Amino acid sequence: MDININFAIYLQFFIGLVAIVNPFGILPVFFSMTSHQYEAERNRTNLVTSISVGIILLVSLYFGKVILDIFSISLHSFRIAGGFLIVTIAMTMISGKLGEHKQNKEEKNADPTEYENIAVVPLAMPILAGPGAIGSTIVWGTQYSSWIDYVGFTISIVVFSSMCYILFRFSGTLMKKLGKTGSNIVTRIMGLILMALGIEIIVAGLTNLFPVLTSIK
């Protein structure tokens, strides 16, 4: 049996994920959203986030198009919903209220499931595995649909998720050098950037759903 393994395709897919998700640029966002957690809790959030990203992308690879078709949801509608969620989170970061209810002695007694919720939404989705990454994964999976291609894409996703985990694992060490004041500044700056990103995602979704909007100046 002739097996055609195209490593260049899998490498392009991996590089595309890195470019779309930009985990290096999201590093300050991750730290800002987990700055109220202890190191062990941040590591737990990191682990859940990385695993969730891998699962989301794998589900998108194997079942993404089918799921969207079943619910009659277009990728553009998904993009708009993700954009609104990002804007909501960005507003809490800009106001400095993100996680402030845990910045006290009761933090140790906080429900650990709350950290898992932060890890899955919004860190894993839509900040990391957002419409762009999901859409790209669905496109690649549709264009190259042989079983060996799916194996190659699966390995690429696992490597990508592992890279995110390693990068975020050292977020505390890198960002602690900024101090509390620097951290607060980074939080608000990244909140502003996230809000702009969310608005861009919403606009992109709207212009694709309503092409007439592109003619409006």
Foldseek 3Di string as FASTA:
>chain_A
DDDDDDLVLLVVLLVQLCVVLVLVVCLLVLCLLCVLDDLVLSLVLLVLLLVLLLVLLLCLLPCVVVVCVVVVHDLLNQLQVQLVQLLVVLVCLQVVNRPPVLNDPCVVVDDSVVSSCVSNPPRNPPNRVNSSSSVSSNVSSVVDPDPSSSVSNSVSSNVSSVVSSVSNSCSCVVCCVCPPVRSSVSSNVVSVVSNVVSVVSNVVSVCVVPVVVVVPD
